[in-house]
Amino acid sequence: VLQRRQQASANEARLAADLDALRAEHAALKTASETATTRLDTT
């Protein structure tokens, strides 16, 4: 049981890190999309 809990905790930490990375990627893509939209509107 203790080993399973440790593995679950490690999995949770890994998932949290992956989620943070995906959020950062989403924010970057959103910024790029907004920039492209502005440039297209200007053009």
PDB file of all heavy atoms in Angstrom:
ATOM      1  N   VAL A   1       0.836  -1.204   0.000  1.00  0.00           N
ATOM      2  CA  VAL A   1       0.000   0.000   0.000  1.00  0.00           C
ATOM      3  C   VAL A   1       0.868   1.249   0.000  1.00  0.00           C
ATOM      4  O   VAL A   1       0.597   2.208  -0.740  1.00  0.00           O
ATOM      5  CB  VAL A   1      -0.965  -0.004   1.211  1.00  0.00           C
ATOM      6  CG1 VAL A   1      -1.632   1.343   1.394  1.00  0.00           C
ATOM      7  CG2 VAL A   1      -2.012  -1.093   1.054  1.00  0.00           C
ATOM      8  N   LEU A   2       1.919   1.261   0.799  1.00  0.00           N
ATOM      9  CA  LEU A   2       2.809   2.426   0.855  1.00  0.00           C
ATOM     10  C   LEU A   2       3.490   2.662  -0.488  1.00  0.00           C
ATOM     11  O   LEU A   2       3.606   3.806  -0.941  1.00  0.00           O
ATOM     12  CB  LEU A   2       3.855   2.249   1.956  1.00  0.00           C
ATOM     13  CG  LEU A   2       3.329   2.332   3.389  1.00  0.00           C
ATOM     14  CD1 LEU A   2       4.451   2.015   4.384  1.00  0.00           C
ATOM     15  CD2 LEU A   2       2.721   3.694   3.668  1.00  0.00           C
ATOM     16  N   GLN A   3       3.917   1.584  -1.141  1.00  0.00           N
ATOM     17  CA  GLN A   3       4.551   1.726  -2.458  1.00  0.00           C
ATOM     18  C   GLN A   3       3.561   2.273  -3.482  1.00  0.00           C
ATOM     19  O   GLN A   3       3.897   3.135  -4.288  1.00  0.00           O
ATOM     20  CB  GLN A   3       5.107   0.382  -2.926  1.00  0.00           C
ATOM     21  CG  GLN A   3       6.334  -0.056  -2.169  1.00  0.00           C
ATOM     22  CD  GLN A   3       6.759  -1.474  -2.519  1.00  0.00           C
ATOM     23  OE1 GLN A   3       6.040  -2.203  -3.193  1.00  0.00           O
ATOM     24  NE2 GLN A   3       7.942  -1.864  -2.063  1.00  0.00           N
ATOM     25  N   ARG A   4       2.333   1.795  -3.436  1.00  0.00           N
ATOM     26  CA  ARG A   4       1.309   2.278  -4.374  1.00  0.00           C
ATOM     27  C   ARG A   4       1.015   3.757  -4.138  1.00  0.00           C
ATOM     28  O   ARG A   4       0.816   4.514  -5.074  1.00  0.00           O
ATOM     29  CB  ARG A   4       0.034   1.462  -4.252  1.00  0.00           C
ATOM     30  CG  ARG A   4       0.164   0.091  -4.862  1.00  0.00           C
ATOM     31  CD  ARG A   4      -1.125  -0.680  -4.777  1.00  0.00           C
ATOM     32  NE  ARG A   4      -0.948  -2.021  -5.316  1.00  0.00           N
ATOM     33  CZ  ARG A   4      -1.748  -3.029  -5.061  1.00  0.00           C
ATOM     34  NH1 ARG A   4      -2.810  -2.854  -4.294  1.00  0.00           N
ATOM     35  NH2 ARG A   4      -1.523  -4.214  -5.586  1.00  0.00           N
ATOM     36  N   ARG A   5       0.982   4.156  -2.878  1.00  0.00           N
ATOM     37  CA  ARG A   5       0.744   5.567  -2.569  1.00  0.00           C
ATOM     38  C   ARG A   5       1.888   6.437  -3.086  1.00  0.00           C
ATOM     39  O   ARG A   5       1.654   7.529  -3.598  1.00  0.00           O
ATOM     40  CB  ARG A   5       0.578   5.777  -1.066  1.00  0.00           C
ATOM     41  CG  ARG A   5      -0.767   5.362  -0.558  1.00  0.00           C
ATOM     42  CD  ARG A   5      -0.946   5.744   0.884  1.00  0.00           C
ATOM     43  NE  ARG A   5      -2.241   5.298   1.371  1.00  0.00           N
ATOM     44  CZ  ARG A   5      -2.608   5.361   2.632  1.00  0.00           C
ATOM     45  NH1 ARG A   5      -1.779   5.856   3.532  1.00  0.00           N
ATOM     46  NH2 ARG A   5      -3.795   4.948   2.991  1.00  0.00           N
ATOM     47  N   GLN A   6       3.114   5.953  -2.930  1.00  0.00           N
ATOM     48  CA  GLN A   6       4.259   6.711  -3.429  1.00  0.00           C
ATOM     49  C   GLN A   6       4.197   6.834  -4.945  1.00  0.00           C
ATOM     50  O   GLN A   6       4.474   7.892  -5.506  1.00  0.00           O
ATOM     51  CB  GLN A   6       5.569   6.050  -3.001  1.00  0.00           C
ATOM     52  CG  GLN A   6       5.860   6.187  -1.523  1.00  0.00           C
ATOM     53  CD  GLN A   6       7.052   5.359  -1.077  1.00  0.00           C
ATOM     54  OE1 GLN A   6       7.508   4.479  -1.784  1.00  0.00           O
ATOM     55  NE2 GLN A   6       7.547   5.641   0.120  1.00  0.00           N
ATOM     56  N   GLN A   7       3.826   5.754  -5.626  1.00  0.00           N
ATOM     57  CA  GLN A   7       3.706   5.788  -7.082  1.00  0.00           C
ATOM     58  C   GLN A   7       2.589   6.740  -7.503  1.00  0.00           C
ATOM     59  O   GLN A   7       2.740   7.506  -8.451  1.00  0.00           O
ATOM     60  CB  GLN A   7       3.429   4.385  -7.629  1.00  0.00           C
ATOM     61  CG  GLN A   7       4.619   3.452  -7.530  1.00  0.00           C
ATOM     62  CD  GLN A   7       4.270   2.012  -7.893  1.00  0.00           C
ATOM     63  OE1 GLN A   7       3.102   1.660  -7.991  1.00  0.00           O
ATOM     64  NE2 GLN A   7       5.280   1.177  -8.067  1.00  0.00           N
ATOM     65  N   ALA A   8       1.477   6.692  -6.786  1.00  0.00           N
ATOM     66  CA  ALA A   8       0.360   7.588  -7.106  1.00  0.00           C
ATOM     67  C   ALA A   8       0.767   9.040  -6.900  1.00  0.00           C
ATOM     68  O   ALA A   8       0.431   9.905  -7.706  1.00  0.00           O
ATOM     69  CB  ALA A   8      -0.857   7.242  -6.248  1.00  0.00           C
ATOM     70  N   SER A   9       1.518   9.291  -5.856  1.00  0.00           N
ATOM     71  CA  SER A   9       1.985  10.646  -5.586  1.00  0.00           C
ATOM     72  C   SER A   9       2.922  11.122  -6.690  1.00  0.00           C
ATOM     73  O   SER A   9       2.832  12.266  -7.146  1.00  0.00           O
ATOM     74  CB  SER A   9       2.704  10.690  -4.232  1.00  0.00           C
ATOM     75  OG  SER A   9       3.193  11.976  -3.980  1.00  0.00           O
ATOM     76  N   ALA A  10       3.798  10.236  -7.141  1.00  0.00           N
ATOM     77  CA  ALA A  10       4.711  10.584  -8.238  1.00  0.00           C
ATOM     78  C   ALA A  10       3.930  10.832  -9.519  1.00  0.00           C
ATOM     79  O   ALA A  10       4.232  11.761 -10.274  1.00  0.00           O
ATOM     80  CB  ALA A  10       5.740   9.477  -8.437  1.00  0.00           C
ATOM     81  N   ASN A  11       2.913  10.014  -9.769  1.00  0.00           N
ATOM     82  CA  ASN A  11       2.073  10.201 -10.954  1.00  0.00           C
ATOM     83  C   ASN A  11       1.334  11.533 -10.896  1.00  0.00           C
ATOM     84  O   ASN A  11       1.225  12.227 -11.899  1.00  0.00           O
ATOM     85  CB  ASN A  11       1.073   9.053 -11.103  1.00  0.00           C
ATOM     86  CG  ASN A  11       1.733   7.757 -11.526  1.00  0.00           C
ATOM     87  OD1 ASN A  11       2.847   7.750 -12.036  1.00  0.00           O
ATOM     88  ND2 ASN A  11       1.046   6.656 -11.302  1.00  0.00           N
ATOM     89  N   GLU A  12       0.828  11.885  -9.714  1.00  0.00           N
ATOM     90  CA  GLU A  12       0.131  13.158  -9.549  1.00  0.00           C
ATOM     91  C   GLU A  12       1.073  14.325  -9.812  1.00  0.00           C
ATOM     92  O   GLU A  12       0.697  15.295 -10.476  1.00  0.00           O
ATOM     93  CB  GLU A  12      -0.462  13.271  -8.148  1.00  0.00           C
ATOM     94  CG  GLU A  12      -1.689  12.410  -7.927  1.00  0.00           C
ATOM     95  CD  GLU A  12      -2.243  12.530  -6.521  1.00  0.00           C
ATOM     96  OE1 GLU A  12      -2.002  13.571  -5.865  1.00  0.00           O
ATOM     97  OE2 GLU A  12      -2.913  11.589  -6.081  1.00  0.00           O
ATOM     98  N   ALA A  13       2.294  14.229  -9.310  1.00  0.00           N
ATOM     99  CA  ALA A  13       3.274  15.293  -9.528  1.00  0.00           C
ATOM    100  C   ALA A  13       3.599  15.417 -11.011  1.00  0.00           C
ATOM    101  O   ALA A  13       3.693  16.524 -11.556  1.00  0.00           O
ATOM    102  CB  ALA A  13       4.536  15.022  -8.721  1.00  0.00           C
ATOM    103  N   ARG A  14       3.745  14.288 -11.685  1.00  0.00           N
ATOM    104  CA  ARG A  14       4.033  14.289 -13.118  1.00  0.00           C
ATOM    105  C   ARG A  14       2.866  14.894 -13.905  1.00  0.00           C
ATOM    106  O   ARG A  14       3.064  15.699 -14.808  1.00  0.00           O
ATOM    107  CB  ARG A  14       4.325  12.868 -13.590  1.00  0.00           C
ATOM    108  CG  ARG A  14       4.998  12.793 -14.946  1.00  0.00           C
ATOM    109  CD  ARG A  14       5.440  11.375 -15.312  1.00  0.00           C
ATOM    110  NE  ARG A  14       6.002  10.637 -14.194  1.00  0.00           N
ATOM    111  CZ  ARG A  14       5.500   9.485 -13.710  1.00  0.00           C
ATOM    112  NH1 ARG A  14       4.457   8.932 -14.264  1.00  0.00           N
ATOM    113  NH2 ARG A  14       6.071   8.877 -12.704  1.00  0.00           N
ATOM    114  N   LEU A  15       1.654  14.514 -13.537  1.00  0.00           N
ATOM    115  CA  LEU A  15       0.472  15.054 -14.208  1.00  0.00           C
ATOM    116  C   LEU A  15       0.340  16.559 -13.976  1.00  0.00           C
ATOM    117  O   LEU A  15      -0.026  17.302 -14.890  1.00  0.00           O
ATOM    118  CB  LEU A  15      -0.790  14.335 -13.734  1.00  0.00           C
ATOM    119  CG  LEU A  15      -0.974  12.911 -14.237  1.00  0.00           C
ATOM    120  CD1 LEU A  15      -2.188  12.267 -13.561  1.00  0.00           C
ATOM    121  CD2 LEU A  15      -1.130  12.874 -15.741  1.00  0.00           C
ATOM    122  N   ALA A  16       0.636  17.003 -12.764  1.00  0.00           N
ATOM    123  CA  ALA A  16       0.576  18.437 -12.465  1.00  0.00           C
ATOM    124  C   ALA A  16       1.598  19.202 -13.301  1.00  0.00           C
ATOM    125  O   ALA A  16       1.300  20.279 -13.832  1.00  0.00           O
ATOM    126  CB  ALA A  16       0.805  18.679 -10.975  1.00  0.00           C
ATOM    127  N   ALA A  17       2.790  18.650 -13.441  1.00  0.00           N
ATOM    128  CA  ALA A  17       3.817  19.295 -14.256  1.00  0.00           C
ATOM    129  C   ALA A  17       3.398  19.334 -15.725  1.00  0.00           C
ATOM    130  O   ALA A  17       3.576  20.350 -16.408  1.00  0.00           O
ATOM    131  CB  ALA A  17       5.154  18.564 -14.104  1.00  0.00           C
ATOM    132  N   ASP A  18       2.827  18.238 -16.211  1.00  0.00           N
ATOM    133  CA  ASP A  18       2.338  18.198 -17.595  1.00  0.00           C
ATOM    134  C   ASP A  18       1.231  19.222 -17.812  1.00  0.00           C
ATOM    135  O   ASP A  18       1.193  19.906 -18.841  1.00  0.00           O
ATOM    136  CB  ASP A  18       1.821  16.798 -17.957  1.00  0.00           C
ATOM    137  CG  ASP A  18       2.937  15.766 -18.101  1.00  0.00           C
ATOM    138  OD1 ASP A  18       4.115  16.172 -18.165  1.00  0.00           O
ATOM    139  OD2 ASP A  18       2.620  14.567 -18.141  1.00  0.00           O
ATOM    140  N   LEU A  19       0.334  19.336 -16.839  1.00  0.00           N
ATOM    141  CA  LEU A  19      -0.758  20.297 -16.939  1.00  0.00           C
ATOM    142  C   LEU A  19      -0.225  21.728 -16.969  1.00  0.00           C
ATOM    143  O   LEU A  19      -0.677  22.554 -17.769  1.00  0.00           O
ATOM    144  CB  LEU A  19      -1.734  20.113 -15.777  1.00  0.00           C
ATOM    145  CG  LEU A  19      -2.957  21.013 -15.757  1.00  0.00           C
ATOM    146  CD1 LEU A  19      -3.785  20.834 -17.029  1.00  0.00           C
ATOM    147  CD2 LEU A  19      -3.807  20.735 -14.535  1.00  0.00           C
ATOM    148  N   ASP A  20       0.758  22.013 -16.123  1.00  0.00           N
ATOM    149  CA  ASP A  20       1.375  23.346 -16.134  1.00  0.00           C
ATOM    150  C   ASP A  20       2.021  23.644 -17.475  1.00  0.00           C
ATOM    151  O   ASP A  20       1.899  24.752 -18.002  1.00  0.00           O
ATOM    152  CB  ASP A  20       2.411  23.473 -15.009  1.00  0.00           C
ATOM    153  CG  ASP A  20       1.781  23.555 -13.627  1.00  0.00           C
ATOM    154  OD1 ASP A  20       0.566  23.861 -13.542  1.00  0.00           O
ATOM    155  OD2 ASP A  20       2.496  23.312 -12.637  1.00  0.00           O
ATOM    156  N   ALA A  21       2.702  22.659 -18.042  1.00  0.00           N
ATOM    157  CA  ALA A  21       3.349  22.842 -19.346  1.00  0.00           C
ATOM    158  C   ALA A  21       2.302  23.093 -20.434  1.00  0.00           C
ATOM    159  O   ALA A  21       2.490  23.957 -21.295  1.00  0.00           O
ATOM    160  CB  ALA A  21       4.201  21.618 -19.690  1.00  0.00           C
ATOM    161  N   LEU A  22       1.209  22.350 -20.385  1.00  0.00           N
ATOM    162  CA  LEU A  22       0.145  22.545 -21.372  1.00  0.00           C
ATOM    163  C   LEU A  22      -0.520  23.905 -21.220  1.00  0.00           C
ATOM    164  O   LEU A  22      -0.859  24.556 -22.214  1.00  0.00           O
ATOM    165  CB  LEU A  22      -0.896  21.433 -21.257  1.00  0.00           C
ATOM    166  CG  LEU A  22      -0.441  20.063 -21.752  1.00  0.00           C
ATOM    167  CD1 LEU A  22      -1.481  18.999 -21.404  1.00  0.00           C
ATOM    168  CD2 LEU A  22      -0.181  20.087 -23.242  1.00  0.00           C
ATOM    169  N   ARG A  23      -0.684  24.359 -19.994  1.00  0.00           N
ATOM    170  CA  ARG A  23      -1.249  25.695 -19.775  1.00  0.00           C
ATOM    171  C   ARG A  23      -0.327  26.769 -20.342  1.00  0.00           C
ATOM    172  O   ARG A  23      -0.796  27.736 -20.950  1.00  0.00           O
ATOM    173  CB  ARG A  23      -1.485  25.927 -18.286  1.00  0.00           C
ATOM    174  CG  ARG A  23      -2.700  25.208 -17.763  1.00  0.00           C
ATOM    175  CD  ARG A  23      -2.949  25.507 -16.301  1.00  0.00           C
ATOM    176  NE  ARG A  23      -4.178  24.882 -15.857  1.00  0.00           N
ATOM    177  CZ  ARG A  23      -4.372  24.416 -14.641  1.00  0.00           C
ATOM    178  NH1 ARG A  23      -3.419  24.498 -13.735  1.00  0.00           N
ATOM    179  NH2 ARG A  23      -5.523  23.864 -14.314  1.00  0.00           N
ATOM    180  N   ALA A  24       0.963  26.610 -20.134  1.00  0.00           N
ATOM    181  CA  ALA A  24       1.924  27.577 -20.670  1.00  0.00           C
ATOM    182  C   ALA A  24       1.896  27.559 -22.195  1.00  0.00           C
ATOM    183  O   ALA A  24       1.943  28.619 -22.845  1.00  0.00           O
ATOM    184  CB  ALA A  24       3.329  27.266 -20.149  1.00  0.00           C
ATOM    185  N   GLU A  25       1.827  26.373 -22.768  1.00  0.00           N
ATOM    186  CA  GLU A  25       1.768  26.260 -24.227  1.00  0.00           C
ATOM    187  C   GLU A  25       0.485  26.902 -24.757  1.00  0.00           C
ATOM    188  O   GLU A  25       0.499  27.615 -25.765  1.00  0.00           O
ATOM    189  CB  GLU A  25       1.835  24.792 -24.641  1.00  0.00           C
ATOM    190  CG  GLU A  25       1.843  24.579 -26.138  1.00  0.00           C
ATOM    191  CD  GLU A  25       1.943  23.110 -26.527  1.00  0.00           C
ATOM    192  OE1 GLU A  25       2.140  22.247 -25.640  1.00  0.00           O
ATOM    193  OE2 GLU A  25       1.819  22.829 -27.726  1.00  0.00           O
ATOM    194  N   HIS A  26      -0.609  26.676 -24.072  1.00  0.00           N
ATOM    195  CA  HIS A  26      -1.890  27.275 -24.477  1.00  0.00           C
ATOM    196  C   HIS A  26      -1.798  28.802 -24.426  1.00  0.00           C
ATOM    197  O   HIS A  26      -2.265  29.487 -25.344  1.00  0.00           O
ATOM    198  CB  HIS A  26      -3.013  26.776 -23.567  1.00  0.00           C
ATOM    199  CG  HIS A  26      -4.339  27.393 -23.866  1.00  0.00           C
ATOM    200  ND1 HIS A  26      -4.817  28.475 -23.178  1.00  0.00           N
ATOM    201  CD2 HIS A  26      -5.282  27.093 -24.799  1.00  0.00           C
ATOM    202  CE1 HIS A  26      -5.990  28.821 -23.660  1.00  0.00           C
ATOM    203  NE2 HIS A  26      -6.303  27.990 -24.644  1.00  0.00           N
ATOM    204  N   ALA A  27      -1.210  29.338 -23.380  1.00  0.00           N
ATOM    205  CA  ALA A  27      -1.075  30.790 -23.262  1.00  0.00           C
ATOM    206  C   ALA A  27      -0.225  31.346 -24.398  1.00  0.00           C
ATOM    207  O   ALA A  27      -0.559  32.389 -24.982  1.00  0.00           O
ATOM    208  CB  ALA A  27      -0.461  31.151 -21.906  1.00  0.00           C
ATOM    209  N   ALA A  28       0.849  30.644 -24.734  1.00  0.00           N
ATOM    210  CA  ALA A  28       1.718  31.097 -25.827  1.00  0.00           C
ATOM    211  C   ALA A  28       0.978  31.047 -27.158  1.00  0.00           C
ATOM    212  O   ALA A  28       1.078  31.975 -27.980  1.00  0.00           O
ATOM    213  CB  ALA A  28       2.985  30.244 -25.885  1.00  0.00           C
ATOM    214  N   LEU A  29       0.227  29.978 -27.385  1.00  0.00           N
ATOM    215  CA  LEU A  29      -0.539  29.861 -28.626  1.00  0.00           C
ATOM    216  C   LEU A  29      -1.643  30.918 -28.704  1.00  0.00           C
ATOM    217  O   LEU A  29      -1.911  31.479 -29.774  1.00  0.00           O
ATOM    218  CB  LEU A  29      -1.141  28.465 -28.758  1.00  0.00           C
ATOM    219  CG  LEU A  29      -0.139  27.346 -29.042  1.00  0.00           C
ATOM    220  CD1 LEU A  29      -0.835  25.987 -28.937  1.00  0.00           C
ATOM    221  CD2 LEU A  29       0.493  27.520 -30.406  1.00  0.00           C
ATOM    222  N   LYS A  30      -2.256  31.215 -27.579  1.00  0.00           N
ATOM    223  CA  LYS A  30      -3.294  32.243 -27.549  1.00  0.00           C
ATOM    224  C   LYS A  30      -2.701  33.604 -27.889  1.00  0.00           C
ATOM    225  O   LYS A  30      -3.282  34.359 -28.677  1.00  0.00           O
ATOM    226  CB  LYS A  30      -3.946  32.269 -26.164  1.00  0.00           C
ATOM    227  CG  LYS A  30      -5.114  33.211 -26.058  1.00  0.00           C
ATOM    228  CD  LYS A  30      -5.768  33.115 -24.692  1.00  0.00           C
ATOM    229  CE  LYS A  30      -6.916  34.106 -24.588  1.00  0.00           C
ATOM    230  NZ  LYS A  30      -7.517  34.079 -23.259  1.00  0.00           N
ATOM    231  N   THR A  31      -1.538  33.904 -27.325  1.00  0.00           N
ATOM    232  CA  THR A  31      -0.860  35.168 -27.623  1.00  0.00           C
ATOM    233  C   THR A  31      -0.496  35.244 -29.099  1.00  0.00           C
ATOM    234  O   THR A  31      -0.713  36.274 -29.751  1.00  0.00           O
ATOM    235  CB  THR A  31       0.399  35.318 -26.745  1.00  0.00           C
ATOM    236  OG1 THR A  31       0.005  35.297 -25.371  1.00  0.00           O
ATOM    237  CG2 THR A  31       1.139  36.605 -27.047  1.00  0.00           C
ATOM    238  N   ALA A  32       0.040  34.159 -29.629  1.00  0.00           N
ATOM    239  CA  ALA A  32       0.410  34.131 -31.050  1.00  0.00           C
ATOM    240  C   ALA A  32      -0.823  34.303 -31.930  1.00  0.00           C
ATOM    241  O   ALA A  32      -0.788  35.024 -32.941  1.00  0.00           O
ATOM    242  CB  ALA A  32       1.132  32.825 -31.381  1.00  0.00           C
ATOM    243  N   SER A  33      -1.926  33.678 -31.558  1.00  0.00           N
ATOM    244  CA  SER A  33      -3.161  33.792 -32.318  1.00  0.00           C
ATOM    245  C   SER A  33      -3.685  35.225 -32.289  1.00  0.00           C
ATOM    246  O   SER A  33      -4.118  35.769 -33.318  1.00  0.00           O
ATOM    247  CB  SER A  33      -4.209  32.842 -31.741  1.00  0.00           C
ATOM    248  OG  SER A  33      -5.438  33.012 -32.386  1.00  0.00           O
ATOM    249  N   GLU A  34      -3.642  35.843 -31.128  1.00  0.00           N
ATOM    250  CA  GLU A  34      -4.098  37.229 -31.013  1.00  0.00           C
ATOM    251  C   GLU A  34      -3.224  38.163 -31.845  1.00  0.00           C
ATOM    252  O   GLU A  34      -3.731  39.074 -32.500  1.00  0.00           O
ATOM    253  CB  GLU A  34      -4.113  37.650 -29.545  1.00  0.00           C
ATOM    254  CG  GLU A  34      -5.208  36.971 -28.736  1.00  0.00           C
ATOM    255  CD  GLU A  34      -5.068  37.178 -27.238  1.00  0.00           C
ATOM    256  OE1 GLU A  34      -4.048  37.748 -26.790  1.00  0.00           O
ATOM    257  OE2 GLU A  34      -5.985  36.754 -26.509  1.00  0.00           O
ATOM    258  N   THR A  35      -1.921  37.934 -31.825  1.00  0.00           N
ATOM    259  CA  THR A  35      -1.002  38.746 -32.620  1.00  0.00           C
ATOM    260  C   THR A  35      -1.283  38.576 -34.108  1.00  0.00           C
ATOM    261  O   THR A  35      -1.345  39.550 -34.856  1.00  0.00           O
ATOM    262  CB  THR A  35       0.464  38.364 -32.308  1.00  0.00           C
ATOM    263  OG1 THR A  35       0.698  38.572 -30.915  1.00  0.00           O
ATOM    264  CG2 THR A  35       1.444  39.172 -33.115  1.00  0.00           C
ATOM    265  N   ALA A  36      -1.471  37.334 -34.528  1.00  0.00           N
ATOM    266  CA  ALA A  36      -1.758  37.067 -35.944  1.00  0.00           C
ATOM    267  C   ALA A  36      -3.076  37.709 -36.358  1.00  0.00           C
ATOM    268  O   ALA A  36      -3.182  38.295 -37.448  1.00  0.00           O
ATOM    269  CB  ALA A  36      -1.791  35.565 -36.199  1.00  0.00           C
ATOM    270  N   THR A  37      -4.070  37.633 -35.508  1.00  0.00           N
ATOM    271  CA  THR A  37      -5.368  38.243 -35.806  1.00  0.00           C
ATOM    272  C   THR A  37      -5.231  39.752 -35.970  1.00  0.00           C
ATOM    273  O   THR A  37      -5.776  40.339 -36.917  1.00  0.00           O
ATOM    274  CB  THR A  37      -6.379  37.912 -34.692  1.00  0.00           C
ATOM    275  OG1 THR A  37      -6.541  36.505 -34.623  1.00  0.00           O
ATOM    276  CG2 THR A  37      -7.718  38.576 -34.938  1.00  0.00           C
ATOM    277  N   THR A  38      -4.505  40.383 -35.086  1.00  0.00           N
ATOM    278  CA  THR A  38      -4.297  41.833 -35.162  1.00  0.00           C
ATOM    279  C   THR A  38      -3.577  42.199 -36.449  1.00  0.00           C
ATOM    280  O   THR A  38      -3.962  43.147 -37.147  1.00  0.00           O
ATOM    281  CB  THR A  38      -3.501  42.325 -33.934  1.00  0.00           C
ATOM    282  OG1 THR A  38      -4.235  41.989 -32.754  1.00  0.00           O
ATOM    283  CG2 THR A  38      -3.263  43.813 -33.991  1.00  0.00           C
ATOM    284  N   ARG A  39      -2.544  41.453 -36.768  1.00  0.00           N
ATOM    285  CA  ARG A  39      -1.788  41.745 -37.993  1.00  0.00           C
ATOM    286  C   ARG A  39      -2.653  41.544 -39.237  1.00  0.00           C
ATOM    287  O   ARG A  39      -2.596  42.330 -40.183  1.00  0.00           O
ATOM    288  CB  ARG A  39      -0.534  40.882 -38.051  1.00  0.00           C
ATOM    289  CG  ARG A  39       0.496  41.279 -36.985  1.00  0.00           C
ATOM    290  CD  ARG A  39       1.725  40.434 -37.025  1.00  0.00           C
ATOM    291  NE  ARG A  39       2.466  40.740 -38.244  1.00  0.00           N
ATOM    292  CZ  ARG A  39       3.518  40.053 -38.652  1.00  0.00           C
ATOM    293  NH1 ARG A  39       3.939  39.020 -37.946  1.00  0.00           N
ATOM    294  NH2 ARG A  39       4.137  40.376 -39.753  1.00  0.00           N
ATOM    295  N   LEU A  40      -3.443  40.482 -39.246  1.00  0.00           N
ATOM    296  CA  LEU A  40      -4.328  40.236 -40.386  1.00  0.00           C
ATOM    297  C   LEU A  40      -5.365  41.344 -40.512  1.00  0.00           C
ATOM    298  O   LEU A  40      -5.645  41.825 -41.627  1.00  0.00           O
ATOM    299  CB  LEU A  40      -5.015  38.878 -40.258  1.00  0.00           C
ATOM    300  CG  LEU A  40      -4.148  37.663 -40.570  1.00  0.00           C
ATOM    301  CD1 LEU A  40      -4.891  36.383 -40.185  1.00  0.00           C
ATOM    302  CD2 LEU A  40      -3.777  37.639 -42.039  1.00  0.00           C
ATOM    303  N   ASP A  41      -5.955  41.760 -39.398  1.00  0.00           N
ATOM    304  CA  ASP A  41      -6.934  42.845 -39.433  1.00  0.00           C
ATOM    305  C   ASP A  41      -6.306  44.123 -39.972  1.00  0.00           C
ATOM    306  O   ASP A  41      -6.910  44.831 -40.784  1.00  0.00           O
ATOM    307  CB  ASP A  41      -7.521  43.092 -38.044  1.00  0.00           C
ATOM    308  CG  ASP A  41      -8.477  42.002 -37.592  1.00  0.00           C
ATOM    309  OD1 ASP A  41      -8.931  41.224 -38.453  1.00  0.00           O
ATOM    310  OD2 ASP A  41      -8.767  41.934 -36.379  1.00  0.00           O
ATOM    311  N   THR A  42      -5.094  44.416 -39.528  1.00  0.00           N
ATOM    312  CA  THR A  42      -4.391  45.610 -40.000  1.00  0.00           C
ATOM    313  C   THR A  42      -4.127  45.516 -41.499  1.00  0.00           C
ATOM    314  O   THR A  42      -4.349  46.479 -42.242  1.00  0.00           O
ATOM    315  CB  THR A  42      -3.065  45.790 -39.233  1.00  0.00           C
ATOM    316  OG1 THR A  42      -3.359  45.899 -37.837  1.00  0.00           O
ATOM    317  CG2 THR A  42      -2.312  47.018 -39.697  1.00  0.00           C
ATOM    318  N   THR A  43      -3.674  44.368 -41.955  1.00  0.00           N
ATOM    319  CA  THR A  43      -3.395  44.170 -43.382  1.00  0.00           C
ATOM    320  C   THR A  43      -4.670  44.301 -44.209  1.00  0.00           C
ATOM    321  O   THR A  43      -4.681  44.934 -45.271  1.00  0.00           O
ATOM    322  CB  THR A  43      -2.741  42.799 -43.610  1.00  0.00           C
ATOM    323  OG1 THR A  43      -1.550  42.716 -42.834  1.00  0.00           O
ATOM    324  CG2 THR A  43      -2.409  42.578 -45.075  1.00  0.00           C
TER     325      THR A  43
END
